[in-house]
Amino acid sequence: MIKDFFKNWKKSKLKDKKYSYLFDTPKMGEYVCLDCETTGLNPKKDEILSIGAVLIKDNKVLMRNTFNIFVKPSQNVTEESIKIHQIRPIDLENAVEPKIAILKLLDFIGNRPIVGYYIKFDIAMISKYTKELIGIKLPNESIEVSSMYFKTKKRSSDYEFVDLKFDTIMKELDIPELGKHDALNDAIMTSMIFLKLKDKTPAKTTFYTS
């Protein structure tokens, strides 16, 4: 009931009712896995430079249905930030304006749950833009693969350390590594993690109300 209340409250805040579809009930077995490359790790001041996403349907990653876009930043990327995301100015020559990128992303995601690795950060980054463009933060439910992985690990006590680094999870699950620091590749690898874990542990969704 509380979930429905927040859902209806958010829906009432939409600037454009065209995006009411974001609140529709998603089809069973469909998810979108996404990843963002950003200028930094602070959603309040940093910007999205690229977004990669892939559709998951009926336990399959639909490679023919992917989303990959570079986003034009408000200022030139610094050398320090390039060391982190490895996106050079030449990579951004054909980047699109944030409004175009985000609205295209919303159409791609639809009402599907969003899968990701530390997905709360990506949702916070995207929500910064959607709040301005359509009046609300991204309303989709989300699924965190690191939490799924954690639940599969047998521990001798509640205090035993579990390594949740992306590379560790990939190695443990025997998933092939694609090129790093590429939003689409990261989304594809994360989707493979999700499918490997999906039958081992419930894919608990989180509904963000803030």
Protein backbone atom coordinates (compact mmCIF):
# COMPACT_ATOMS: atom_id res chain seq x y z
CA MET A 1 0.00 0.00 0.00
CA ILE A 2 2.82 2.41 0.86
CA LYS A 3 4.53 1.47 -2.38
CA ASP A 4 1.36 2.26 -4.35
CA PHE A 5 1.00 5.59 -2.54
CA PHE A 6 4.51 6.73 -3.51
CA LYS A 7 3.98 5.41 -7.04
CA ASN A 8 0.80 7.46 -7.52
CA TRP A 9 2.39 10.49 -5.85
CA LYS A 10 5.35 10.36 -8.21
CA LYS A 11 3.07 9.87 -11.21
CA SER A 12 1.15 13.02 -10.27
CA LYS A 13 4.40 15.01 -10.44
CA LEU A 14 5.04 14.21 -14.12
CA LYS A 15 5.46 17.29 -16.29
CA ASP A 16 4.47 15.32 -19.38
CA LYS A 17 1.82 12.60 -19.08
CA LYS A 18 3.40 10.89 -22.08
CA TYR A 19 5.76 9.27 -19.59
CA SER A 20 2.97 7.69 -17.55
CA TYR A 21 4.03 4.41 -19.16
CA LEU A 22 6.98 4.34 -16.76
CA PHE A 23 4.49 3.40 -14.03
CA ASP A 24 2.75 0.60 -15.91
CA THR A 25 3.17 -2.97 -14.69
CA PRO A 26 6.19 -4.49 -16.51
CA LYS A 27 5.97 -7.72 -18.46
CA MET A 28 7.16 -10.78 -16.60
CA GLY A 29 10.70 -11.86 -17.46
CA GLU A 30 11.80 -8.55 -18.98
CA TYR A 31 14.58 -6.39 -17.54
CA VAL A 32 17.00 -3.72 -18.70
CA CYS A 33 20.61 -3.85 -17.55
CA LEU A 34 22.42 -0.53 -17.74
CA ASP A 35 25.67 1.21 -16.89
CA CYS A 36 26.81 4.83 -16.97
CA GLU A 37 30.27 6.28 -17.42
CA THR A 38 30.50 9.58 -15.58
CA THR A 39 32.91 12.44 -14.90
CA GLY A 40 33.02 11.48 -11.22
CA LEU A 41 31.20 9.82 -8.35
CA ASN A 42 29.12 12.72 -7.07
CA PRO A 43 25.63 12.79 -8.64
CA LYS A 44 25.12 16.36 -7.46
CA LYS A 45 27.98 17.84 -9.48
CA ASP A 46 29.21 15.22 -11.94
CA GLU A 47 27.79 14.41 -15.36
CA ILE A 48 27.01 11.36 -17.47
CA LEU A 49 29.36 10.84 -20.43
CA SER A 50 27.96 7.62 -21.82
CA ILE A 51 25.14 5.16 -21.22
CA GLY A 52 25.01 1.53 -22.24
CA ALA A 53 22.00 -0.72 -21.80
CA VAL A 54 20.78 -4.09 -22.96
CA LEU A 55 17.41 -5.82 -22.88
CA ILE A 56 17.00 -9.11 -21.02
CA LYS A 57 14.00 -11.23 -22.00
CA ASP A 58 13.10 -14.80 -21.08
CA ASN A 59 16.56 -15.47 -19.59
CA LYS A 60 18.36 -14.21 -22.67
CA VAL A 61 20.47 -11.12 -23.34
CA LEU A 62 19.10 -9.64 -26.57
CA MET A 63 22.25 -8.43 -28.26
CA ARG A 64 20.22 -7.16 -31.20
CA ASN A 65 18.46 -4.78 -28.83
CA THR A 66 21.07 -2.58 -27.19
CA PHE A 67 21.39 1.08 -26.25
CA ASN A 68 24.73 2.86 -26.51
CA ILE A 69 25.11 6.62 -26.52
CA PHE A 70 27.68 9.30 -25.70
CA VAL A 71 26.41 12.35 -23.82
CA LYS A 72 27.77 15.86 -24.34
CA PRO A 73 29.13 17.31 -21.05
CA SER A 74 28.69 20.97 -20.12
CA GLN A 75 32.47 21.45 -20.06
CA ASN A 76 35.56 19.72 -21.37
CA VAL A 77 36.58 16.54 -19.59
CA THR A 78 39.74 16.82 -17.52
CA GLU A 79 42.83 14.66 -17.75
CA GLU A 80 42.13 13.32 -14.26
CA SER A 81 38.63 12.19 -15.17
CA ILE A 82 39.88 10.59 -18.40
CA LYS A 83 42.11 8.33 -16.29
CA ILE A 84 38.97 7.04 -14.58
CA HIS A 85 36.46 6.61 -17.40
CA GLN A 86 38.92 6.55 -20.35
CA ILE A 87 36.55 8.60 -22.51
CA ARG A 88 38.58 11.08 -24.56
CA PRO A 89 37.40 14.35 -26.14
CA ILE A 90 37.55 12.64 -29.56
CA ASP A 91 35.06 10.04 -28.29
CA LEU A 92 32.63 12.84 -27.50
CA GLU A 93 32.79 14.60 -30.87
CA ASN A 94 29.44 13.12 -31.93
CA ALA A 95 27.93 13.08 -28.44
CA VAL A 96 24.30 14.17 -28.11
CA GLU A 97 22.74 16.68 -25.77
CA PRO A 98 21.73 15.24 -22.37
CA LYS A 99 18.02 15.85 -23.02
CA ILE A 100 18.08 13.75 -26.19
CA ALA A 101 20.10 10.97 -24.57
CA ILE A 102 17.94 10.70 -21.44
CA LEU A 103 14.59 10.78 -23.26
CA LYS A 104 15.83 8.09 -25.67
CA LEU A 105 16.93 6.05 -22.66
CA LEU A 106 13.49 6.33 -21.06
CA ASP A 107 11.91 4.99 -24.23
CA PHE A 108 14.38 2.08 -24.23
CA ILE A 109 13.89 1.22 -20.56
CA GLY A 110 10.13 1.62 -20.50
CA ASN A 111 8.62 0.28 -17.29
CA ARG A 112 11.05 -2.63 -16.91
CA PRO A 113 13.05 -3.24 -13.71
CA ILE A 114 16.63 -1.99 -14.00
CA VAL A 115 19.51 -4.36 -13.30
CA GLY A 116 23.00 -3.13 -12.45
CA TYR A 117 26.16 -3.27 -10.40
CA TYR A 118 25.90 -0.62 -7.67
CA ILE A 119 22.88 0.49 -9.64
CA LYS A 120 21.81 3.02 -7.01
CA PHE A 121 24.56 5.33 -8.26
CA ASP A 122 23.52 5.03 -11.92
CA ILE A 123 19.89 5.67 -11.00
CA ALA A 124 20.90 8.73 -8.99
CA MET A 125 22.88 10.09 -11.96
CA ILE A 126 20.04 9.49 -14.42
CA SER A 127 17.47 10.85 -11.97
CA LYS A 128 19.30 14.16 -11.83
CA TYR A 129 18.39 14.64 -15.48
CA THR A 130 14.88 13.12 -15.39
CA LYS A 131 13.92 15.35 -12.45
CA GLU A 132 14.62 18.38 -14.61
CA LEU A 133 13.19 16.98 -17.84
CA ILE A 134 10.01 15.19 -16.76
CA GLY A 135 9.61 16.31 -13.14
CA ILE A 136 10.45 13.05 -11.35
CA LYS A 137 13.33 10.78 -10.49
CA LEU A 138 13.58 7.49 -12.35
CA PRO A 139 10.65 5.47 -10.93
CA ASN A 140 11.63 1.98 -12.12
CA GLU A 141 12.32 -0.77 -9.64
CA SER A 142 15.93 -1.89 -9.50
CA ILE A 143 17.90 -5.08 -8.93
CA GLU A 144 21.42 -5.05 -7.48
CA VAL A 145 23.61 -7.92 -8.71
CA SER A 146 26.20 -7.54 -5.95
CA SER A 147 23.44 -8.16 -3.38
CA MET A 148 22.33 -11.23 -5.32
CA TYR A 149 25.90 -12.51 -5.36
CA PHE A 150 26.33 -11.85 -1.63
CA LYS A 151 23.29 -14.00 -0.83
CA THR A 152 24.79 -16.97 -2.68
CA LYS A 153 28.02 -16.99 -0.63
CA LYS A 154 28.18 -19.43 2.25
CA ARG A 155 29.72 -17.82 5.33
CA SER A 156 30.80 -19.31 8.63
CA SER A 157 29.58 -16.18 10.44
CA ASP A 158 27.79 -12.90 9.76
CA TYR A 159 31.13 -11.11 10.04
CA GLU A 160 32.96 -13.05 7.35
CA PHE A 161 34.15 -10.80 4.51
CA VAL A 162 32.70 -11.28 1.04
CA ASP A 163 34.59 -9.69 -1.85
CA LEU A 164 32.01 -7.87 -3.97
CA LYS A 165 34.39 -6.35 -6.51
CA PHE A 166 33.11 -6.65 -10.08
CA ASP A 167 36.20 -8.54 -11.27
CA THR A 168 35.89 -11.01 -8.40
CA ILE A 169 32.24 -11.73 -9.16
CA MET A 170 33.05 -12.18 -12.85
CA LYS A 171 35.84 -14.63 -12.07
CA GLU A 172 33.79 -16.58 -9.54
CA LEU A 173 30.95 -17.00 -12.01
CA ASP A 174 33.28 -17.78 -14.93
CA ILE A 175 31.97 -14.96 -17.10
CA PRO A 176 34.11 -13.79 -20.05
CA GLU A 177 35.54 -10.31 -19.68
CA LEU A 178 34.74 -7.74 -22.33
CA GLY A 179 36.46 -4.39 -22.70
CA LYS A 180 36.34 -2.33 -19.51
CA HIS A 181 35.30 1.30 -19.11
CA ASP A 182 32.75 0.85 -21.86
CA ALA A 183 29.19 1.37 -20.69
CA LEU A 184 27.64 -1.15 -23.09
CA ASN A 185 30.23 -3.83 -22.38
CA ASP A 186 29.75 -3.32 -18.65
CA ALA A 187 25.99 -3.62 -19.08
CA ILE A 188 26.39 -6.86 -21.05
CA MET A 189 28.74 -8.38 -18.45
CA THR A 190 26.40 -7.34 -15.64
CA SER A 191 23.46 -8.90 -17.44
CA MET A 192 25.38 -12.19 -17.63
CA ILE A 193 26.04 -11.97 -13.88
CA PHE A 194 22.32 -11.44 -13.31
CA LEU A 195 21.31 -14.44 -15.40
CA LYS A 196 23.87 -16.67 -13.66
CA LEU A 197 22.54 -15.66 -10.24
CA LYS A 198 18.85 -15.38 -11.08
CA ASP A 199 18.01 -19.01 -10.34
CA LYS A 200 20.25 -19.19 -7.27
CA THR A 201 18.67 -16.35 -5.36
CA PRO A 202 15.49 -14.25 -5.66
CA ALA A 203 16.03 -11.12 -7.75
CA LYS A 204 14.74 -8.74 -5.10
CA THR A 205 13.66 -5.41 -6.51
CA THR A 206 14.05 -2.10 -4.75
CA PHE A 207 11.60 0.74 -5.16
CA TYR A 208 13.17 4.15 -4.61
CA THR A 209 10.82 6.67 -3.04
CA SER A 210 13.23 9.52 -2.46
